[in-house]
Amino acid sequence: MADLIRSFIAIELDDAIRRALGDVPAKLKAERAAKSVRWTAPESIHITLKFLGDVDAGRLPALQNAIAEASKGIPPFALTLRGIGAFPNTRRPNIVWVGAEGQVEIATELAQKIEDACAALGFAREDRLFTPHLTIGRVKRDASPNDRRFIGEMIDRAQVGMLGELHVDHVSLMKSELRPTGSVYTRLSVVQLVNM
């Protein structure tokens, strides 16, 4: 049987950004609606460029090469992290996120090049367009329609200013292990972004 590794490609965060992101749920937890959200531990937050799913361990070297090739010509860039929202929207929230601004077009180009490189290796393409964001919470499955409405109202009221600037100089291939206490992420490899 093949050794399968649940994998994704991501932009990792620095410690200062993680600390700032940890403050957002702390501010919201006083609200009743926050109890219906499973908040993401700051050390697990990242920007997903491409979710791969279960990957045969033997395919990882080819995947690493594809990521390196896709990253060529993409210089280091910066994203400003600010604001809070929900997917699909605050009327029907499932995911609570912090937004990214700044050099979003470079992040989008990087995600598209990675998407194309992964598709060439046989990975399914994403149905949704890439939107750089950081998932800070997921609405619990058993949340009632009223709970969801209250969560949406909480998000709409939240005042989340600039949390910091993320300097992106590398892309990581990550392993995800699902555990009863939540997902644990381990970096498998890194590709540096280089100024041309």
Protein backbone atom coordinates (compact mmCIF):
# COMPACT_ATOMS: atom_id res chain seq x y z
CA MET A 1 0.00 0.00 0.00
CA ALA A 2 1.30 3.46 -0.92
CA ASP A 3 2.45 5.83 1.80
CA LEU A 4 -0.02 8.73 1.47
CA ILE A 5 0.75 12.16 2.88
CA ARG A 6 -2.02 14.74 3.22
CA SER A 7 -0.35 17.81 1.73
CA PHE A 8 -0.77 21.43 0.74
CA ILE A 9 1.35 24.33 -0.51
CA ALA A 10 1.36 27.43 1.67
CA ILE A 11 2.79 30.75 2.68
CA GLU A 12 3.89 30.45 6.30
CA LEU A 13 3.67 33.29 8.80
CA ASP A 14 6.27 34.84 11.07
CA ASP A 15 5.89 34.84 14.86
CA ALA A 16 4.85 38.51 15.11
CA ILE A 17 1.96 37.94 12.70
CA ARG A 18 0.92 34.78 14.57
CA ARG A 19 0.81 36.72 17.85
CA ALA A 20 -1.29 39.48 16.27
CA LEU A 21 -3.67 36.90 14.78
CA GLY A 22 -4.07 35.26 18.19
CA ASP A 23 -5.43 38.56 19.53
CA VAL A 24 -8.38 38.59 17.08
CA PRO A 25 -10.30 35.60 18.51
CA ALA A 26 -9.41 36.76 22.02
CA LYS A 27 -11.28 40.02 21.36
CA LEU A 28 -14.29 38.20 19.90
CA LYS A 29 -14.60 35.40 22.47
CA ALA A 30 -16.52 37.65 24.84
CA GLU A 31 -19.43 37.55 22.39
CA ARG A 32 -21.93 34.71 22.69
CA ALA A 33 -21.69 33.96 18.97
CA ALA A 34 -17.97 33.16 19.30
CA LYS A 35 -18.85 29.91 21.10
CA SER A 36 -20.12 28.51 17.77
CA VAL A 37 -16.72 29.01 16.11
CA ARG A 38 -13.81 26.57 16.34
CA TRP A 39 -10.88 28.99 16.43
CA THR A 40 -7.63 28.07 14.69
CA ALA A 41 -4.52 27.98 16.86
CA PRO A 42 -2.20 30.81 15.75
CA GLU A 43 0.66 28.38 15.09
CA SER A 44 -1.53 26.58 12.53
CA ILE A 45 -2.54 29.66 10.53
CA HIS A 46 -1.09 30.07 7.02
CA ILE A 47 -2.13 31.19 3.54
CA THR A 48 -3.01 28.14 1.46
CA LEU A 49 -1.85 28.42 -2.14
CA LYS A 50 -2.98 24.91 -3.14
CA PHE A 51 -4.55 22.02 -1.23
CA LEU A 52 -3.34 18.72 -2.67
CA GLY A 53 -5.03 16.10 -0.51
CA ASP A 54 -3.47 12.66 -0.08
CA VAL A 55 -0.25 12.46 -2.10
CA ASP A 56 1.80 9.31 -2.66
CA ALA A 57 5.14 9.93 -0.91
CA GLY A 58 6.92 8.84 -4.09
CA ARG A 59 5.45 11.84 -5.93
CA LEU A 60 6.86 14.42 -3.48
CA PRO A 61 10.19 14.99 -5.30
CA ALA A 62 8.37 15.75 -8.59
CA LEU A 63 5.98 18.01 -6.69
CA GLN A 64 8.88 19.86 -5.03
CA ASN A 65 10.48 20.39 -8.46
CA ALA A 66 7.18 21.66 -9.88
CA ILE A 67 6.82 24.16 -7.01
CA ALA A 68 10.39 25.38 -7.59
CA GLU A 69 9.76 25.79 -11.31
CA ALA A 70 6.44 27.58 -10.72
CA SER A 71 8.09 29.96 -8.26
CA LYS A 72 10.76 31.10 -10.74
CA GLY A 73 10.30 34.72 -11.70
CA ILE A 74 8.19 35.48 -8.61
CA PRO A 75 10.05 37.98 -6.41
CA PRO A 76 9.62 38.28 -2.65
CA PHE A 77 6.54 40.37 -1.85
CA ALA A 78 4.57 41.82 1.05
CA LEU A 79 0.97 41.43 2.16
CA THR A 80 -0.74 43.67 4.68
CA LEU A 81 -3.08 41.70 6.94
CA ARG A 82 -6.20 43.59 7.91
CA GLY A 83 -9.93 43.20 8.42
CA ILE A 84 -12.16 40.24 9.13
CA GLY A 85 -14.81 38.54 7.03
CA ALA A 86 -16.48 35.23 6.26
CA PHE A 87 -16.82 32.74 3.42
CA PRO A 88 -19.12 32.46 1.64
CA ASN A 89 -20.42 35.68 3.27
CA THR A 90 -21.53 37.03 6.66
CA ARG A 91 -25.14 35.96 6.05
CA ARG A 92 -24.07 32.29 5.82
CA PRO A 93 -20.64 32.13 7.47
CA ASN A 94 -18.66 28.89 7.37
CA ILE A 95 -15.10 30.23 7.51
CA VAL A 96 -13.93 33.27 9.50
CA TRP A 97 -10.92 34.94 7.89
CA VAL A 98 -8.49 37.83 8.10
CA GLY A 99 -7.90 39.54 4.78
CA ALA A 100 -4.72 40.31 2.86
CA GLU A 101 -3.99 43.50 0.93
CA GLY A 102 -0.92 44.95 -0.73
CA GLN A 103 0.89 42.95 -3.38
CA VAL A 104 -2.05 40.60 -3.85
CA GLU A 105 -1.46 40.42 -7.61
CA ILE A 106 1.93 38.76 -7.00
CA ALA A 107 0.38 36.27 -4.55
CA THR A 108 -2.34 35.54 -7.13
CA GLU A 109 0.22 35.02 -9.91
CA LEU A 110 2.19 32.67 -7.65
CA ALA A 111 -0.95 30.69 -6.78
CA GLN A 112 -1.91 30.44 -10.47
CA LYS A 113 1.55 29.24 -11.50
CA ILE A 114 1.46 26.63 -8.72
CA GLU A 115 -2.07 25.62 -9.77
CA ASP A 116 -0.87 25.12 -13.37
CA ALA A 117 2.22 23.17 -12.28
CA CYS A 118 0.15 20.88 -10.05
CA ALA A 119 -2.44 20.35 -12.80
CA ALA A 120 0.39 19.26 -15.12
CA LEU A 121 1.21 16.58 -12.53
CA GLY A 122 -2.40 15.38 -12.51
CA PHE A 123 -3.76 17.20 -9.46
CA ALA A 124 -7.31 18.50 -9.77
CA ARG A 125 -7.72 22.22 -10.36
CA GLU A 126 -9.46 24.39 -7.77
CA ASP A 127 -13.03 25.38 -8.58
CA ARG A 128 -12.70 28.72 -6.80
CA LEU A 129 -10.46 31.63 -7.67
CA PHE A 130 -7.56 32.19 -5.29
CA THR A 131 -8.29 34.83 -2.65
CA PRO A 132 -5.40 35.39 -0.24
CA HIS A 133 -6.71 35.10 3.32
CA LEU A 134 -5.92 33.54 6.68
CA THR A 135 -8.53 31.20 8.14
CA ILE A 136 -8.79 32.05 11.83
CA GLY A 137 -11.91 30.01 12.58
CA ARG A 138 -14.51 27.58 11.25
CA VAL A 139 -18.16 27.70 12.20
CA LYS A 140 -19.08 24.49 14.01
CA ARG A 141 -21.19 22.08 11.96
CA ASP A 142 -23.92 21.97 14.57
CA ALA A 143 -24.31 25.78 14.59
CA SER A 144 -27.97 26.68 14.14
CA PRO A 145 -29.15 29.23 11.55
CA ASN A 146 -29.56 31.69 14.44
CA ASP A 147 -26.00 30.98 15.62
CA ARG A 148 -24.76 31.67 12.09
CA ARG A 149 -26.71 34.92 11.95
CA PHE A 150 -25.16 36.03 15.26
CA ILE A 151 -21.68 35.06 14.01
CA GLY A 152 -22.22 37.12 10.85
CA GLU A 153 -23.35 40.11 12.92
CA MET A 154 -20.32 39.69 15.21
CA ILE A 155 -18.01 39.73 12.18
CA ASP A 156 -19.76 42.77 10.68
CA ARG A 157 -19.31 44.66 13.98
CA ALA A 158 -15.71 43.62 14.55
CA GLN A 159 -13.11 46.35 14.20
CA VAL A 160 -9.96 44.61 13.03
CA GLY A 161 -7.38 47.06 11.76
CA MET A 162 -3.95 46.34 10.37
CA LEU A 163 -2.42 43.29 12.06
CA GLY A 164 0.96 43.60 10.40
CA GLU A 165 2.86 43.19 7.18
CA LEU A 166 3.83 39.71 6.05
CA HIS A 167 7.07 39.59 4.06
CA VAL A 168 6.82 36.56 1.79
CA ASP A 169 10.19 35.22 0.66
CA HIS A 170 9.45 31.49 0.41
CA VAL A 171 6.76 28.91 -0.31
CA SER A 172 6.39 25.71 1.71
CA LEU A 173 5.16 22.22 0.90
CA MET A 174 3.35 21.15 4.06
CA LYS A 175 2.16 17.88 5.58
CA SER A 176 -1.16 17.88 7.44
CA GLU A 177 -1.92 15.27 10.09
CA LEU A 178 -5.50 15.10 11.33
CA ARG A 179 -5.62 14.46 15.07
CA PRO A 180 -8.48 14.54 17.59
CA THR A 181 -7.07 17.81 18.96
CA GLY A 182 -6.94 19.37 15.49
CA SER A 183 -4.63 19.39 12.48
CA VAL A 184 -0.86 19.42 12.96
CA TYR A 185 1.24 20.89 10.15
CA THR A 186 4.84 20.00 9.34
CA ARG A 187 7.01 21.64 6.70
CA LEU A 188 8.31 19.12 4.15
CA SER A 189 10.27 21.50 1.93
CA VAL A 190 10.83 25.18 1.16
CA VAL A 191 11.30 27.06 -2.11
CA GLN A 192 12.86 30.51 -1.80
CA LEU A 193 11.49 33.39 -3.87
CA VAL A 194 14.35 35.25 -5.54
CA ASN A 195 14.62 38.76 -6.98
CA MET A 196 15.50 38.51 -10.65
